[in-house]
Amino acid sequence: MRIEHLAPGEIFVFGSNGSGAHGGGAAGFALDRFGAIWGQAEGLQGQSYGIDTMSGLSVLERQAKRFVVFAADHPELRFLVTELGCGIAGYRPADVAPFFTGAGENVVLPASFREILAED
């Protein structure tokens, strides 16, 4: 699923780096289109939500788990998660998908993540 536009209440969830330098890929797209804030690595930013994928798998895991809680606290929003961590960060979907276990119905995961979670 390629995300080009967002409806009101939809949030683009993208992979960031620790300094919030949203220079390219999904982070650059979030900066250009969905209100990501230069210098903010994690959290809600306009109509986007950043998760640091470049500072190690343990950081990604902690932030993904915080995101799952945030999404649960905001059922009025619909979160569209990119295949974060699986591009420039170099992880495989099997490395990242388990961090989203327990995500609610308002979290739309990429097909690769859904397939892995369905296997468990």
Protein backbone atom coordinates (compact mmCIF):
# COMPACT_ATOMS: atom_id res chain seq x y z
CA MET A 1 0.00 0.00 0.00
CA ARG A 2 1.49 3.32 -1.07
CA ILE A 3 0.21 6.23 0.99
CA GLU A 4 -0.17 9.38 -1.11
CA HIS A 5 -2.95 11.26 0.69
CA LEU A 6 -4.47 11.22 4.15
CA ALA A 7 -8.06 11.71 5.18
CA PRO A 8 -8.82 13.78 8.28
CA GLY A 9 -7.89 11.74 11.34
CA GLU A 10 -5.36 9.56 9.49
CA ILE A 11 -1.74 9.55 10.63
CA PHE A 12 1.27 8.51 8.51
CA VAL A 13 3.67 6.44 10.67
CA PHE A 14 7.24 6.57 9.36
CA GLY A 15 10.79 5.62 10.26
CA SER A 16 12.97 8.47 11.47
CA ASN A 17 16.53 8.81 12.70
CA GLY A 18 17.66 9.84 16.16
CA SER A 19 18.18 13.47 15.22
CA GLY A 20 14.87 13.87 13.39
CA ALA A 21 16.65 14.85 10.16
CA HIS A 22 13.84 13.88 7.79
CA GLY A 23 15.94 14.08 4.64
CA GLY A 24 14.66 11.25 2.48
CA GLY A 25 12.46 8.22 2.05
CA ALA A 26 9.27 8.05 4.10
CA ALA A 27 10.67 10.62 6.56
CA GLY A 28 11.22 13.14 3.77
CA PHE A 29 7.74 12.39 2.46
CA ALA A 30 6.30 12.97 5.95
CA LEU A 31 8.18 16.28 6.15
CA ASP A 32 6.98 17.42 2.72
CA ARG A 33 3.38 16.24 2.92
CA PHE A 34 2.21 15.38 6.41
CA GLY A 35 3.64 17.89 8.87
CA ALA A 36 6.68 16.04 10.23
CA ILE A 37 8.88 18.40 12.22
CA TRP A 38 12.58 18.70 11.40
CA GLY A 39 14.53 17.81 14.54
CA GLN A 40 11.78 15.69 16.16
CA ALA A 41 12.59 11.99 15.89
CA GLU A 42 9.67 10.42 17.75
CA GLY A 43 6.00 11.01 18.23
CA LEU A 44 3.09 12.84 16.71
CA GLN A 45 4.06 15.57 14.26
CA GLY A 46 1.23 17.13 12.32
CA GLN A 47 -0.49 14.28 10.49
CA SER A 48 2.49 11.97 10.97
CA TYR A 49 4.16 9.96 13.72
CA GLY A 50 7.90 9.20 13.78
CA ILE A 51 9.64 6.13 15.16
CA ASP A 52 13.45 6.09 15.28
CA THR A 53 14.61 3.14 13.17
CA MET A 54 18.26 4.17 12.84
CA SER A 55 19.51 4.00 16.46
CA GLY A 56 19.38 0.24 16.88
CA LEU A 57 16.76 -2.45 17.12
CA SER A 58 16.25 -1.97 20.88
CA VAL A 59 15.43 1.73 20.37
CA LEU A 60 13.03 0.84 17.55
CA GLU A 61 11.35 -1.74 19.78
CA ARG A 62 10.89 0.69 22.70
CA GLN A 63 9.49 3.40 20.46
CA ALA A 64 7.20 0.99 18.59
CA LYS A 65 5.80 -0.22 21.89
CA ARG A 66 5.23 3.40 23.01
CA PHE A 67 3.48 4.00 19.68
CA VAL A 68 1.13 1.02 20.25
CA VAL A 69 0.13 2.54 23.61
CA PHE A 70 -0.27 6.00 22.05
CA ALA A 71 -2.50 4.59 19.32
CA ALA A 72 -4.63 2.79 21.92
CA ASP A 73 -5.03 6.09 23.77
CA HIS A 74 -6.22 7.77 20.54
CA PRO A 75 -8.95 5.56 19.06
CA GLU A 76 -10.28 8.57 17.16
CA LEU A 77 -7.20 8.43 14.91
CA ARG A 78 -6.30 5.87 12.23
CA PHE A 79 -2.57 5.13 11.99
CA LEU A 80 -1.15 4.00 8.64
CA VAL A 81 2.18 2.31 9.38
CA THR A 82 4.83 2.13 6.67
CA GLU A 83 7.21 -0.83 6.44
CA LEU A 84 9.41 1.11 8.82
CA GLY A 85 12.90 -0.09 9.55
CA CYS A 86 12.93 -2.22 6.41
CA GLY A 87 14.45 0.31 4.02
CA ILE A 88 17.62 2.24 4.77
CA ALA A 89 17.75 0.90 8.36
CA GLY A 90 18.22 -2.58 6.90
CA TYR A 91 15.92 -4.68 9.06
CA ARG A 92 13.60 -7.40 7.76
CA PRO A 93 9.86 -7.36 8.39
CA ALA A 94 10.37 -10.40 10.65
CA ASP A 95 12.66 -8.25 12.85
CA VAL A 96 10.20 -5.38 13.21
CA ALA A 97 6.66 -6.76 12.95
CA PRO A 98 6.62 -8.37 16.44
CA PHE A 99 7.09 -4.92 18.00
CA PHE A 100 3.53 -4.11 16.88
CA THR A 101 1.90 -7.09 18.58
CA GLY A 102 -1.27 -5.97 20.29
CA ALA A 103 -1.83 -2.94 18.08
CA GLY A 104 -5.50 -2.03 17.93
CA GLU A 105 -7.85 -1.92 15.00
CA ASN A 106 -7.00 1.74 14.41
CA VAL A 107 -3.44 0.71 13.44
CA VAL A 108 -3.10 -0.38 9.82
CA LEU A 109 0.10 -2.40 9.42
CA PRO A 110 1.80 -3.15 6.11
CA ALA A 111 0.93 -6.53 4.56
CA SER A 112 4.39 -7.93 5.33
CA PHE A 113 3.94 -7.18 9.06
CA ARG A 114 0.37 -8.55 9.11
CA GLU A 115 1.51 -11.83 7.53
CA ILE A 116 4.25 -12.31 10.12
CA LEU A 117 1.94 -11.51 13.04
CA ALA A 118 -0.71 -13.89 11.68
CA GLU A 119 1.84 -16.73 11.78
CA ASP A 120 2.36 -16.31 15.54
